N, C-alpha and C. Protein backbone atom coordinates (compact mmCIF):
# COMPACT_ATOMS: atom_id res chain seq x y z
N UNK A 1 -9.06 2.61 29.59
CA UNK A 1 -7.82 3.31 29.41
C UNK A 1 -7.65 4.29 30.56
N UNK A 2 -6.55 4.17 31.27
CA UNK A 2 -6.32 5.05 32.41
C UNK A 2 -5.41 6.22 32.07
N UNK A 3 -4.60 6.08 31.02
CA UNK A 3 -3.70 7.15 30.62
C UNK A 3 -4.46 8.16 29.76
N UNK A 4 -4.15 9.46 29.86
CA UNK A 4 -4.85 10.45 29.04
C UNK A 4 -4.50 10.35 27.56
N UNK A 5 -3.30 9.86 27.26
CA UNK A 5 -2.87 9.68 25.87
C UNK A 5 -2.10 8.37 25.79
N UNK A 6 -2.46 7.54 24.82
CA UNK A 6 -1.76 6.29 24.61
C UNK A 6 -1.25 6.29 23.16
N UNK A 7 0.04 6.05 22.99
CA UNK A 7 0.65 6.01 21.66
C UNK A 7 1.11 4.59 21.37
N UNK A 8 0.70 4.06 20.21
CA UNK A 8 1.07 2.73 19.79
C UNK A 8 1.68 2.83 18.40
N UNK A 9 2.89 2.35 18.23
CA UNK A 9 3.52 2.35 16.91
C UNK A 9 2.97 1.17 16.12
N UNK A 10 2.34 1.45 14.99
CA UNK A 10 1.77 0.40 14.14
C UNK A 10 2.72 -0.06 13.05
N UNK A 11 3.61 0.84 12.63
CA UNK A 11 4.55 0.50 11.57
C UNK A 11 5.74 1.43 11.69
N UNK A 12 6.93 0.85 11.63
CA UNK A 12 8.15 1.64 11.58
C UNK A 12 8.96 1.12 10.41
N UNK A 13 9.23 1.98 9.44
CA UNK A 13 9.88 1.55 8.21
C UNK A 13 11.03 2.48 7.86
N UNK A 14 12.23 1.94 7.75
CA UNK A 14 13.37 2.73 7.28
C UNK A 14 13.22 2.94 5.78
N UNK A 15 13.66 4.09 5.30
CA UNK A 15 13.63 4.38 3.88
C UNK A 15 15.05 4.55 3.39
N UNK A 16 15.26 4.29 2.09
CA UNK A 16 16.61 4.48 1.54
C UNK A 16 16.93 5.97 1.53
N UNK A 17 18.00 6.34 0.89
CA UNK A 17 18.46 7.72 0.91
C UNK A 17 17.68 8.65 -0.01
N UNK A 18 16.60 8.18 -0.58
CA UNK A 18 15.79 9.00 -1.48
C UNK A 18 15.27 10.23 -0.75
N UNK A 19 15.37 11.36 -1.41
CA UNK A 19 14.86 12.61 -0.84
C UNK A 19 13.34 12.66 -1.04
N UNK A 20 12.63 12.89 0.03
CA UNK A 20 11.17 13.04 -0.06
C UNK A 20 10.85 14.52 -0.07
N UNK A 21 10.25 14.95 -1.17
CA UNK A 21 9.90 16.36 -1.33
C UNK A 21 8.42 16.61 -1.13
N UNK A 22 7.60 15.55 -1.26
CA UNK A 22 6.15 15.72 -1.15
C UNK A 22 5.49 14.43 -0.71
N UNK A 23 4.33 14.58 -0.10
CA UNK A 23 3.48 13.44 0.26
C UNK A 23 2.08 13.76 -0.24
N UNK A 24 1.51 12.81 -0.96
CA UNK A 24 0.14 12.95 -1.43
C UNK A 24 -0.70 11.90 -0.71
N UNK A 25 -1.80 12.32 -0.10
CA UNK A 25 -2.69 11.41 0.62
C UNK A 25 -3.95 11.23 -0.21
N UNK A 26 -4.28 9.96 -0.49
CA UNK A 26 -5.47 9.65 -1.29
C UNK A 26 -6.38 8.70 -0.52
N UNK A 27 -7.68 8.92 -0.64
CA UNK A 27 -8.66 7.94 -0.16
C UNK A 27 -9.11 7.16 -1.39
N UNK A 28 -8.89 5.86 -1.36
CA UNK A 28 -9.17 5.01 -2.52
C UNK A 28 -10.19 3.95 -2.11
N UNK A 29 -11.21 3.78 -2.93
CA UNK A 29 -12.24 2.76 -2.68
C UNK A 29 -12.23 1.76 -3.81
N UNK A 30 -12.15 0.48 -3.45
CA UNK A 30 -12.18 -0.62 -4.42
C UNK A 30 -13.45 -1.42 -4.18
N UNK A 31 -14.18 -1.66 -5.24
CA UNK A 31 -15.41 -2.45 -5.16
C UNK A 31 -15.06 -3.91 -4.85
N UNK A 32 -16.02 -4.68 -4.33
CA UNK A 32 -15.75 -6.08 -3.99
C UNK A 32 -15.16 -6.86 -5.17
N UNK A 33 -14.12 -7.62 -4.89
CA UNK A 33 -13.51 -8.49 -5.88
C UNK A 33 -12.61 -7.82 -6.90
N UNK A 34 -12.41 -6.51 -6.82
CA UNK A 34 -11.54 -5.83 -7.79
C UNK A 34 -10.09 -6.20 -7.52
N UNK A 35 -9.40 -6.65 -8.57
CA UNK A 35 -7.98 -7.00 -8.46
C UNK A 35 -7.15 -5.83 -8.94
N UNK A 36 -6.29 -5.33 -8.08
CA UNK A 36 -5.41 -4.23 -8.46
C UNK A 36 -4.37 -4.66 -9.48
N UNK A 37 -4.06 -5.95 -9.50
CA UNK A 37 -3.08 -6.48 -10.43
C UNK A 37 -1.66 -6.18 -10.00
N UNK A 38 -0.71 -6.95 -10.52
CA UNK A 38 0.69 -6.71 -10.19
C UNK A 38 1.09 -5.29 -10.63
N UNK A 39 1.83 -4.60 -9.77
CA UNK A 39 2.22 -3.23 -10.08
C UNK A 39 3.40 -2.81 -9.22
N UNK A 40 3.92 -1.63 -9.52
CA UNK A 40 4.94 -1.02 -8.68
C UNK A 40 4.75 0.49 -8.70
N UNK A 41 5.33 1.14 -7.71
CA UNK A 41 5.23 2.59 -7.58
C UNK A 41 6.61 3.20 -7.70
N UNK A 42 6.68 4.46 -8.14
CA UNK A 42 7.97 5.14 -8.26
C UNK A 42 8.47 5.71 -6.94
N UNK A 43 7.65 5.67 -5.92
CA UNK A 43 8.04 6.09 -4.58
C UNK A 43 7.36 5.18 -3.56
N UNK A 44 7.82 5.21 -2.32
CA UNK A 44 7.19 4.36 -1.30
C UNK A 44 5.75 4.79 -1.03
N UNK A 45 4.93 3.82 -0.68
CA UNK A 45 3.53 4.08 -0.35
C UNK A 45 3.24 3.45 1.01
N UNK A 46 2.64 4.24 1.89
CA UNK A 46 2.17 3.76 3.18
C UNK A 46 0.66 3.87 3.18
N UNK A 47 -0.02 3.05 3.95
CA UNK A 47 -1.47 3.16 3.97
C UNK A 47 -2.09 2.52 5.19
N UNK A 48 -3.39 2.79 5.32
CA UNK A 48 -4.20 2.20 6.39
C UNK A 48 -5.57 1.87 5.81
N UNK A 49 -6.05 0.69 6.14
CA UNK A 49 -7.36 0.24 5.68
C UNK A 49 -8.43 0.90 6.55
N UNK A 50 -9.33 1.63 5.93
CA UNK A 50 -10.42 2.29 6.67
C UNK A 50 -11.64 1.38 6.80
N UNK A 51 -11.92 0.59 5.76
CA UNK A 51 -13.09 -0.30 5.78
C UNK A 51 -12.82 -1.45 4.82
N UNK A 52 -13.40 -2.61 5.12
CA UNK A 52 -13.25 -3.76 4.24
C UNK A 52 -11.93 -4.47 4.45
N UNK A 53 -11.49 -5.17 3.39
CA UNK A 53 -10.24 -5.93 3.50
C UNK A 53 -9.61 -6.12 2.12
N UNK A 54 -8.28 -6.38 2.16
CA UNK A 54 -7.45 -6.47 0.96
C UNK A 54 -6.55 -7.69 1.06
N UNK A 55 -6.44 -8.44 -0.05
CA UNK A 55 -5.40 -9.46 -0.18
C UNK A 55 -4.12 -8.72 -0.57
N UNK A 56 -3.03 -8.90 0.18
CA UNK A 56 -1.81 -8.12 0.00
C UNK A 56 -0.60 -9.03 -0.07
N UNK A 57 0.26 -8.80 -1.08
CA UNK A 57 1.48 -9.61 -1.22
C UNK A 57 2.54 -8.77 -1.92
N UNK A 58 3.75 -8.75 -1.35
CA UNK A 58 4.87 -7.99 -1.90
C UNK A 58 5.95 -8.95 -2.38
N UNK A 59 6.33 -8.85 -3.65
CA UNK A 59 7.46 -9.54 -4.25
C UNK A 59 7.60 -11.01 -3.83
N UNK A 60 6.58 -11.79 -4.06
CA UNK A 60 6.65 -13.22 -3.79
C UNK A 60 6.65 -13.60 -2.33
N UNK A 61 6.47 -12.62 -1.45
CA UNK A 61 6.42 -12.90 -0.02
C UNK A 61 5.10 -13.54 0.37
N UNK A 62 4.88 -13.70 1.65
CA UNK A 62 3.64 -14.32 2.09
C UNK A 62 2.43 -13.42 1.77
N UNK A 63 1.35 -14.04 1.37
CA UNK A 63 0.11 -13.30 1.15
C UNK A 63 -0.57 -13.09 2.49
N UNK A 64 -1.03 -11.88 2.73
CA UNK A 64 -1.75 -11.58 3.96
C UNK A 64 -3.09 -10.94 3.60
N UNK A 65 -3.96 -10.88 4.57
CA UNK A 65 -5.22 -10.16 4.40
C UNK A 65 -5.19 -8.99 5.36
N UNK A 66 -5.34 -7.79 4.80
CA UNK A 66 -5.38 -6.57 5.60
C UNK A 66 -6.83 -6.24 5.92
N UNK A 67 -7.10 -5.93 7.18
CA UNK A 67 -8.45 -5.61 7.64
C UNK A 67 -8.51 -4.16 8.13
N UNK A 68 -9.70 -3.71 8.42
CA UNK A 68 -9.91 -2.35 8.93
C UNK A 68 -8.93 -2.05 10.06
N UNK A 69 -8.20 -0.94 9.92
CA UNK A 69 -7.23 -0.53 10.93
C UNK A 69 -5.81 -1.01 10.67
N UNK A 70 -5.65 -2.01 9.79
CA UNK A 70 -4.30 -2.50 9.47
C UNK A 70 -3.56 -1.49 8.62
N UNK A 71 -2.23 -1.44 8.80
CA UNK A 71 -1.38 -0.55 8.01
C UNK A 71 -0.54 -1.39 7.05
N UNK A 72 -0.06 -0.75 5.98
CA UNK A 72 0.77 -1.46 5.02
C UNK A 72 1.84 -0.53 4.46
N UNK A 73 2.85 -1.16 3.85
CA UNK A 73 3.96 -0.45 3.21
C UNK A 73 4.26 -1.12 1.88
N UNK A 74 4.33 -0.32 0.83
CA UNK A 74 4.74 -0.78 -0.49
C UNK A 74 6.03 -0.06 -0.85
N UNK A 75 7.16 -0.78 -0.91
CA UNK A 75 8.43 -0.12 -1.24
C UNK A 75 8.43 0.42 -2.67
N UNK A 76 9.24 1.44 -2.91
CA UNK A 76 9.40 2.00 -4.26
C UNK A 76 10.06 0.97 -5.17
N UNK A 77 9.59 0.93 -6.41
CA UNK A 77 10.22 0.12 -7.46
C UNK A 77 10.32 -1.36 -7.12
N UNK A 78 9.39 -1.86 -6.33
CA UNK A 78 9.33 -3.28 -5.97
C UNK A 78 7.97 -3.82 -6.40
N UNK A 79 7.96 -5.03 -6.94
CA UNK A 79 6.72 -5.63 -7.41
C UNK A 79 5.75 -5.87 -6.26
N UNK A 80 4.55 -5.36 -6.41
CA UNK A 80 3.43 -5.68 -5.51
C UNK A 80 2.62 -6.73 -6.25
N UNK A 81 2.70 -7.98 -5.81
CA UNK A 81 2.02 -9.08 -6.49
C UNK A 81 0.51 -8.97 -6.38
N UNK A 82 0.03 -8.61 -5.20
CA UNK A 82 -1.42 -8.52 -4.99
C UNK A 82 -1.76 -7.32 -4.14
N UNK A 83 -2.78 -6.63 -4.55
CA UNK A 83 -3.46 -5.62 -3.74
C UNK A 83 -4.89 -5.66 -4.24
N UNK A 84 -5.62 -6.69 -3.81
CA UNK A 84 -6.93 -7.03 -4.35
C UNK A 84 -8.00 -6.96 -3.27
N UNK A 85 -9.10 -6.34 -3.62
CA UNK A 85 -10.22 -6.26 -2.68
C UNK A 85 -10.83 -7.64 -2.48
N UNK A 86 -11.22 -7.94 -1.25
CA UNK A 86 -11.91 -9.19 -0.96
C UNK A 86 -13.38 -9.03 -1.36
N UNK A 87 -14.19 -10.00 -0.98
CA UNK A 87 -15.62 -9.97 -1.30
C UNK A 87 -16.34 -8.78 -0.69
N UNK A 88 -15.74 -8.14 0.31
CA UNK A 88 -16.40 -7.00 0.95
C UNK A 88 -15.95 -5.65 0.41
N UNK A 89 -14.97 -5.66 -0.52
CA UNK A 89 -14.44 -4.40 -1.02
C UNK A 89 -13.57 -3.74 0.05
N UNK A 90 -13.06 -2.55 -0.27
CA UNK A 90 -12.19 -1.87 0.70
C UNK A 90 -12.08 -0.38 0.39
N UNK A 91 -11.89 0.38 1.46
CA UNK A 91 -11.53 1.79 1.36
C UNK A 91 -10.27 1.95 2.21
N UNK A 92 -9.28 2.65 1.64
CA UNK A 92 -8.03 2.84 2.37
C UNK A 92 -7.48 4.23 2.09
N UNK A 93 -6.63 4.69 3.01
CA UNK A 93 -5.86 5.90 2.80
C UNK A 93 -4.48 5.49 2.35
N UNK A 94 -4.00 6.07 1.25
CA UNK A 94 -2.66 5.83 0.75
C UNK A 94 -1.84 7.10 0.85
N UNK A 95 -0.65 6.98 1.41
CA UNK A 95 0.28 8.10 1.56
C UNK A 95 1.43 7.87 0.57
N UNK A 96 1.46 8.64 -0.50
CA UNK A 96 2.39 8.46 -1.61
C UNK A 96 3.52 9.47 -1.47
N UNK A 97 4.73 8.99 -1.22
CA UNK A 97 5.90 9.86 -1.09
C UNK A 97 6.55 10.03 -2.45
N UNK A 98 7.00 11.25 -2.75
CA UNK A 98 7.66 11.48 -4.03
C UNK A 98 8.83 12.43 -3.84
N UNK A 99 9.77 12.35 -4.78
CA UNK A 99 10.96 13.19 -4.75
C UNK A 99 10.71 14.52 -5.43
N UNK A 100 11.72 15.36 -5.49
CA UNK A 100 11.60 16.65 -6.15
C UNK A 100 11.16 16.50 -7.61
N UNK A 101 10.19 17.29 -8.01
CA UNK A 101 9.68 17.30 -9.39
C UNK A 101 9.12 15.96 -9.85
N UNK A 102 8.65 15.13 -8.92
CA UNK A 102 8.03 13.85 -9.25
C UNK A 102 6.56 13.89 -8.87
N UNK A 103 5.77 13.13 -9.59
CA UNK A 103 4.38 12.86 -9.24
C UNK A 103 4.29 11.37 -8.92
N UNK A 104 3.46 11.00 -7.94
CA UNK A 104 3.31 9.57 -7.66
C UNK A 104 2.76 8.83 -8.88
N UNK A 105 3.38 7.69 -9.19
CA UNK A 105 2.95 6.88 -10.32
C UNK A 105 2.79 5.43 -9.93
N UNK A 106 1.80 4.78 -10.54
CA UNK A 106 1.59 3.34 -10.42
C UNK A 106 1.82 2.78 -11.81
N UNK A 107 2.71 1.79 -11.91
CA UNK A 107 3.00 1.15 -13.20
C UNK A 107 2.55 -0.29 -13.14
N UNK A 108 1.56 -0.69 -13.99
CA UNK A 108 1.16 -2.09 -14.04
C UNK A 108 2.33 -2.95 -14.53
N UNK A 109 2.44 -4.14 -14.00
CA UNK A 109 3.49 -5.07 -14.40
C UNK A 109 2.82 -6.26 -15.07
N UNK A 110 3.21 -6.50 -16.32
CA UNK A 110 2.65 -7.63 -17.06
C UNK A 110 3.56 -8.83 -16.85
N UNK A 111 2.98 -9.89 -16.35
CA UNK A 111 3.76 -11.11 -16.11
C UNK A 111 3.73 -11.96 -17.37
N UNK A 112 4.87 -12.50 -17.73
CA UNK A 112 4.91 -13.43 -18.85
C UNK A 112 4.76 -14.84 -18.31
N UNK A 113 3.91 -15.65 -18.96
CA UNK A 113 3.70 -17.01 -18.48
C UNK A 113 4.99 -17.81 -18.55
N UNK A 114 5.19 -18.67 -17.56
CA UNK A 114 6.36 -19.56 -17.56
C UNK A 114 6.08 -20.73 -18.49
N UNK A 115 7.08 -21.11 -19.29
CA UNK A 115 6.88 -22.25 -20.23
C UNK A 115 6.73 -23.56 -19.51
C-alpha cells in the first residue's frame, strides 16, 4: 500500500424515511450449525462477520455464504429466510437501528407448510 489512507466502500444502502434515533451494536457468537431460523427485525440491521461463516438469505433471494470480513444488510420488516452458522460457527457485529422510543427486536417467523 503506497497511500497513507485507503478507503473502500463495502456496502452502501439507502434507507426509507424512517427516523433513526439510536444504534445498538452487538457482538453475537453462534455455535457451529446453529440455525437462526426465519425472522424479521423492527428496524434495519447492518453487520460484519468477524470470524467463521453464515448461510444468508433474504426474502426468497439467492442464498449466499458470508465469510470473515463480509458485510450484510437485513431490511426492517422483511423476512430473513436464513441466517445460519456453518460448520465453523460465526461471530459477527450487528448494528441495530431503531426509531424514537423503540428497542431493537427480532421476531421469529413460523412458516406454514404448503399443501
